[in-house]
Amino acid sequence: MRVCTPITIRYAETDMMGVVYHANYLLYFEDARTAFLEAIGFPYERIEKAGLVSPVVDLSVSFGEPLRYGDIATVRTRIVSSRPTKTVYAYEVFKQGQDPDMARPCCTGRSTHCLVDAETFKPVSVKRALPELYARYAEVIEPEEGEGAAHGCAQKEEDGR
């Protein structure tokens, strides 16, 4: 399953070159990840209410064509790996109007998250602590490109912020 989250590029998110400052893509990824969780019926608030949080333990980003002030971007998000101790999200950022199944993304990224106790920060198993979420991940996980991956996405209607 892929979820598309629209992002409107604000002036404050650009640098002296007039393009989105690279660190802002991490904020777009976070908006998209929380939208993904909502779309699969497990909003991040449920994780927090269970006394847990999901920090980033690894992150990678690759940049292509820049985004600029006023552009509307779409972040397409999917889960590519789910284990009891970590979940890997993949992100592709496109300009509005680009066909995500045909166009080259403006930016791609991956974030790996674990689940920890909010007070102690000790790791916990998603499979044991939130078995419903772990089962949902298993239902929506997508293989890597070229391995029968589905295309398109479920659209999030409003701006992700």
C-alpha atoms as a PDB file:
ATOM      1  CA  MET A   1       0.000   0.000   0.000  1.00  0.00           C
ATOM      2  CA  ARG A   2       1.219   3.459  -0.878  1.00  0.00           C
ATOM      3  CA  VAL A   3      -0.130   6.648   0.621  1.00  0.00           C
ATOM      4  CA  CYS A   4       0.318  10.022  -1.069  1.00  0.00           C
ATOM      5  CA  THR A   5       0.580  13.099   1.130  1.00  0.00           C
ATOM      6  CA  PRO A   6       0.466  16.578  -0.455  1.00  0.00           C
ATOM      7  CA  ILE A   7       2.921  19.198   0.786  1.00  0.00           C
ATOM      8  CA  THR A   8       2.785  22.881  -0.203  1.00  0.00           C
ATOM      9  CA  ILE A   9       6.277  24.370  -0.247  1.00  0.00           C
ATOM     10  CA  ARG A  10       6.430  27.495   1.910  1.00  0.00           C
ATOM     11  CA  TYR A  11       8.879  30.347   1.392  1.00  0.00           C
ATOM     12  CA  ALA A  12      10.451  29.764   4.816  1.00  0.00           C
ATOM     13  CA  GLU A  13      11.431  26.237   3.714  1.00  0.00           C
ATOM     14  CA  THR A  14      13.716  27.496   0.956  1.00  0.00           C
ATOM     15  CA  ASP A  15      17.365  28.549   1.090  1.00  0.00           C
ATOM     16  CA  MET A  16      19.359  31.357  -0.552  1.00  0.00           C
ATOM     17  CA  MET A  17      19.282  29.426  -3.848  1.00  0.00           C
ATOM     18  CA  GLY A  18      15.485  29.487  -3.793  1.00  0.00           C
ATOM     19  CA  VAL A  19      15.153  25.719  -3.388  1.00  0.00           C
ATOM     20  CA  VAL A  20      13.878  23.647  -0.495  1.00  0.00           C
ATOM     21  CA  TYR A  21      16.566  23.425   2.168  1.00  0.00           C
ATOM     22  CA  HIS A  22      17.618  19.772   2.356  1.00  0.00           C
ATOM     23  CA  ALA A  23      16.691  19.213   6.019  1.00  0.00           C
ATOM     24  CA  ASN A  24      13.068  20.140   5.317  1.00  0.00           C
ATOM     25  CA  TYR A  25      12.627  16.905   3.399  1.00  0.00           C
ATOM     26  CA  LEU A  26      12.905  15.117   6.745  1.00  0.00           C
ATOM     27  CA  LEU A  27       9.868  17.076   7.938  1.00  0.00           C
ATOM     28  CA  TYR A  28       7.999  16.088   4.776  1.00  0.00           C
ATOM     29  CA  PHE A  29       8.899  12.445   5.407  1.00  0.00           C
ATOM     30  CA  GLU A  30       7.590  12.709   8.971  1.00  0.00           C
ATOM     31  CA  ASP A  31       4.311  14.243   7.761  1.00  0.00           C
ATOM     32  CA  ALA A  32       4.020  11.421   5.236  1.00  0.00           C
ATOM     33  CA  ARG A  33       4.826   8.695   7.786  1.00  0.00           C
ATOM     34  CA  THR A  34       2.149   9.890  10.202  1.00  0.00           C
ATOM     35  CA  ALA A  35      -0.327  10.174   7.306  1.00  0.00           C
ATOM     36  CA  PHE A  36       0.563   6.608   6.337  1.00  0.00           C
ATOM     37  CA  LEU A  37      -0.178   5.390   9.860  1.00  0.00           C
ATOM     38  CA  GLU A  38      -3.533   7.189   9.798  1.00  0.00           C
ATOM     39  CA  ALA A  39      -4.347   5.672   6.412  1.00  0.00           C
ATOM     40  CA  ILE A  40      -3.745   2.141   7.690  1.00  0.00           C
ATOM     41  CA  GLY A  41      -5.999   2.806  10.662  1.00  0.00           C
ATOM     42  CA  PHE A  42      -3.316   3.135  13.323  1.00  0.00           C
ATOM     43  CA  PRO A  43      -2.667   6.847  14.048  1.00  0.00           C
ATOM     44  CA  TYR A  44       0.570   7.690  15.836  1.00  0.00           C
ATOM     45  CA  GLU A  45      -1.467   8.839  18.852  1.00  0.00           C
ATOM     46  CA  ARG A  46      -2.370   5.188  19.499  1.00  0.00           C
ATOM     47  CA  ILE A  47       1.315   4.362  19.764  1.00  0.00           C
ATOM     48  CA  GLU A  48       1.847   7.211  22.236  1.00  0.00           C
ATOM     49  CA  LYS A  49      -1.245   6.268  24.273  1.00  0.00           C
ATOM     50  CA  ALA A  50       0.298   2.815  24.675  1.00  0.00           C
ATOM     51  CA  GLY A  51       3.294   4.503  26.345  1.00  0.00           C
ATOM     52  CA  LEU A  52       5.556   4.016  23.340  1.00  0.00           C
ATOM     53  CA  VAL A  53       7.377   6.168  20.794  1.00  0.00           C
ATOM     54  CA  SER A  54       9.014   5.324  17.492  1.00  0.00           C
ATOM     55  CA  PRO A  55      12.372   7.073  17.021  1.00  0.00           C
ATOM     56  CA  VAL A  56      14.365   7.129  13.811  1.00  0.00           C
ATOM     57  CA  VAL A  57      17.430   4.865  14.000  1.00  0.00           C
ATOM     58  CA  ASP A  58      18.604   5.229  10.406  1.00  0.00           C
ATOM     59  CA  LEU A  59      17.905   7.650   7.588  1.00  0.00           C
ATOM     60  CA  SER A  60      18.985   8.058   3.983  1.00  0.00           C
ATOM     61  CA  VAL A  61      18.049  10.706   1.431  1.00  0.00           C
ATOM     62  CA  SER A  62      18.901  11.172  -2.247  1.00  0.00           C
ATOM     63  CA  PHE A  63      18.122  14.377  -4.111  1.00  0.00           C
ATOM     64  CA  GLY A  64      17.203  14.953  -7.751  1.00  0.00           C
ATOM     65  CA  GLU A  65      15.322  17.915  -9.186  1.00  0.00           C
ATOM     66  CA  PRO A  66      14.807  20.675  -6.593  1.00  0.00           C
ATOM     67  CA  LEU A  67      11.494  21.868  -5.247  1.00  0.00           C
ATOM     68  CA  ARG A  68      10.874  25.610  -4.973  1.00  0.00           C
ATOM     69  CA  TYR A  69       8.591  28.002  -3.127  1.00  0.00           C
ATOM     70  CA  GLY A  70       4.994  27.574  -4.263  1.00  0.00           C
ATOM     71  CA  ASP A  71       5.465  24.074  -5.639  1.00  0.00           C
ATOM     72  CA  ILE A  72       3.039  21.466  -4.458  1.00  0.00           C
ATOM     73  CA  ALA A  73       4.734  18.174  -3.820  1.00  0.00           C
ATOM     74  CA  THR A  74       3.401  14.720  -3.173  1.00  0.00           C
ATOM     75  CA  VAL A  75       5.235  12.339  -0.868  1.00  0.00           C
ATOM     76  CA  ARG A  76       4.455   8.717  -1.700  1.00  0.00           C
ATOM     77  CA  THR A  77       5.086   6.459   1.294  1.00  0.00           C
ATOM     78  CA  ARG A  78       5.197   2.704   1.756  1.00  0.00           C
ATOM     79  CA  ILE A  79       6.645   0.155   4.152  1.00  0.00           C
ATOM     80  CA  VAL A  80       9.387  -1.966   2.615  1.00  0.00           C
ATOM     81  CA  SER A  81      10.429  -3.970   5.676  1.00  0.00           C
ATOM     82  CA  SER A  82       8.725  -4.882   8.929  1.00  0.00           C
ATOM     83  CA  ARG A  83      10.347  -6.899  11.660  1.00  0.00           C
ATOM     84  CA  PRO A  84       9.487  -7.113  15.354  1.00  0.00           C
ATOM     85  CA  THR A  85      12.336  -4.713  16.170  1.00  0.00           C
ATOM     86  CA  LYS A  86      12.275  -2.268  13.261  1.00  0.00           C
ATOM     87  CA  THR A  87      10.167  -0.901  10.429  1.00  0.00           C
ATOM     88  CA  VAL A  88      11.538   0.675   7.244  1.00  0.00           C
ATOM     89  CA  TYR A  89       9.552   3.328   5.390  1.00  0.00           C
ATOM     90  CA  ALA A  90      10.386   4.389   1.818  1.00  0.00           C
ATOM     91  CA  TYR A  91       9.520   7.842   0.478  1.00  0.00           C
ATOM     92  CA  GLU A  92       9.362   9.311  -3.023  1.00  0.00           C
ATOM     93  CA  VAL A  93       8.729  13.032  -3.532  1.00  0.00           C
ATOM     94  CA  PHE A  94       7.140  14.253  -6.768  1.00  0.00           C
ATOM     95  CA  LYS A  95       6.007  17.641  -8.064  1.00  0.00           C
ATOM     96  CA  GLN A  96       2.281  18.059  -8.541  1.00  0.00           C
ATOM     97  CA  GLY A  97       1.289  16.843 -11.978  1.00  0.00           C
ATOM     98  CA  GLN A  98       4.063  14.267 -12.300  1.00  0.00           C
ATOM     99  CA  ASP A  99       2.973  10.676 -12.776  1.00  0.00           C
ATOM    100  CA  PRO A 100       4.549   8.837  -9.827  1.00  0.00           C
ATOM    101  CA  ASP A 101       4.615   5.618 -11.820  1.00  0.00           C
ATOM    102  CA  MET A 102       6.513   7.206 -14.721  1.00  0.00           C
ATOM    103  CA  ALA A 103       8.434  10.250 -13.459  1.00  0.00           C
ATOM    104  CA  ARG A 104      11.764  10.343 -11.691  1.00  0.00           C
ATOM    105  CA  PRO A 105      11.250  11.493  -8.080  1.00  0.00           C
ATOM    106  CA  CYS A 106      12.617  14.869  -6.957  1.00  0.00           C
ATOM    107  CA  CYS A 107      13.816  13.135  -3.802  1.00  0.00           C
ATOM    108  CA  THR A 108      13.816   9.635  -2.336  1.00  0.00           C
ATOM    109  CA  GLY A 109      14.448   8.504   1.183  1.00  0.00           C
ATOM    110  CA  ARG A 110      14.161   5.776   3.759  1.00  0.00           C
ATOM    111  CA  SER A 111      13.730   5.927   7.482  1.00  0.00           C
ATOM    112  CA  THR A 112      14.125   3.034   9.859  1.00  0.00           C
ATOM    113  CA  HIS A 113      12.185   3.201  13.108  1.00  0.00           C
ATOM    114  CA  CYS A 114      12.179   1.095  16.226  1.00  0.00           C
ATOM    115  CA  LEU A 115       9.652   1.094  19.044  1.00  0.00           C
ATOM    116  CA  VAL A 116      10.736   2.071  22.559  1.00  0.00           C
ATOM    117  CA  ASP A 117       9.156   2.638  25.944  1.00  0.00           C
ATOM    118  CA  ALA A 118       8.469   6.386  26.166  1.00  0.00           C
ATOM    119  CA  GLU A 119       9.836   6.671  29.721  1.00  0.00           C
ATOM    120  CA  THR A 120      12.845   4.358  29.667  1.00  0.00           C
ATOM    121  CA  PHE A 121      13.645   4.459  25.942  1.00  0.00           C
ATOM    122  CA  LYS A 122      14.257   0.703  26.106  1.00  0.00           C
ATOM    123  CA  PRO A 123      13.434  -1.105  22.857  1.00  0.00           C
ATOM    124  CA  VAL A 124      10.288  -3.187  22.680  1.00  0.00           C
ATOM    125  CA  SER A 125       8.959  -5.609  20.085  1.00  0.00           C
ATOM    126  CA  VAL A 126       6.181  -4.205  17.907  1.00  0.00           C
ATOM    127  CA  LYS A 127       4.913  -7.751  17.531  1.00  0.00           C
ATOM    128  CA  ARG A 128       4.466  -8.108  21.313  1.00  0.00           C
ATOM    129  CA  ALA A 129       3.606  -4.539  22.343  1.00  0.00           C
ATOM    130  CA  LEU A 130       1.234  -3.656  19.474  1.00  0.00           C
ATOM    131  CA  PRO A 131       0.287  -6.903  17.728  1.00  0.00           C
ATOM    132  CA  GLU A 132      -2.512  -5.145  15.787  1.00  0.00           C
ATOM    133  CA  LEU A 133      -0.017  -2.716  14.266  1.00  0.00           C
ATOM    134  CA  TYR A 134       2.448  -5.485  13.457  1.00  0.00           C
ATOM    135  CA  ALA A 135      -0.338  -7.433  11.721  1.00  0.00           C
ATOM    136  CA  ARG A 136      -1.389  -4.324   9.801  1.00  0.00           C
ATOM    137  CA  TYR A 137       2.200  -3.776   8.639  1.00  0.00           C
ATOM    138  CA  ALA A 138       2.224  -7.358   7.314  1.00  0.00           C
ATOM    139  CA  GLU A 139      -0.942  -6.612   5.311  1.00  0.00           C
ATOM    140  CA  VAL A 140       0.356  -3.416   3.670  1.00  0.00           C
ATOM    141  CA  ILE A 141       4.081  -4.108   3.175  1.00  0.00           C
ATOM    142  CA  GLU A 142       5.305  -3.814  -0.409  1.00  0.00           C
ATOM    143  CA  PRO A 143       8.245  -5.545  -2.025  1.00  0.00           C
ATOM    144  CA  GLU A 144      11.090  -3.555  -3.511  1.00  0.00           C
ATOM    145  CA  GLU A 145      10.695  -2.213  -7.053  1.00  0.00           C
ATOM    146  CA  GLY A 146      10.951  -4.902  -9.681  1.00  0.00           C
ATOM    147  CA  GLU A 147       9.561  -7.574  -7.354  1.00  0.00           C
ATOM    148  CA  GLY A 148       5.895  -7.183  -8.191  1.00  0.00           C
ATOM    149  CA  ALA A 149       5.427  -3.879  -6.369  1.00  0.00           C
ATOM    150  CA  ALA A 150       2.035  -2.244  -6.631  1.00  0.00           C
ATOM    151  CA  HIS A 151       1.744   1.217  -8.135  1.00  0.00           C
ATOM    152  CA  GLY A 152      -0.370   4.271  -7.496  1.00  0.00           C
ATOM    153  CA  CYS A 153      -1.324   5.292  -3.993  1.00  0.00           C
ATOM    154  CA  ALA A 154      -4.111   6.064  -1.604  1.00  0.00           C
ATOM    155  CA  GLN A 155      -4.472   9.856  -1.693  1.00  0.00           C
ATOM    156  CA  LYS A 156      -4.457  12.015   1.429  1.00  0.00           C
ATOM    157  CA  GLU A 157      -6.707  14.914   0.546  1.00  0.00           C
ATOM    158  CA  GLU A 158      -5.367  17.901   2.505  1.00  0.00           C
ATOM    159  CA  ASP A 159      -1.885  19.282   2.970  1.00  0.00           C
ATOM    160  CA  GLY A 160       0.006  17.016   5.385  1.00  0.00           C
ATOM    161  CA  ARG A 161       0.858  19.854   7.777  1.00  0.00           C
END
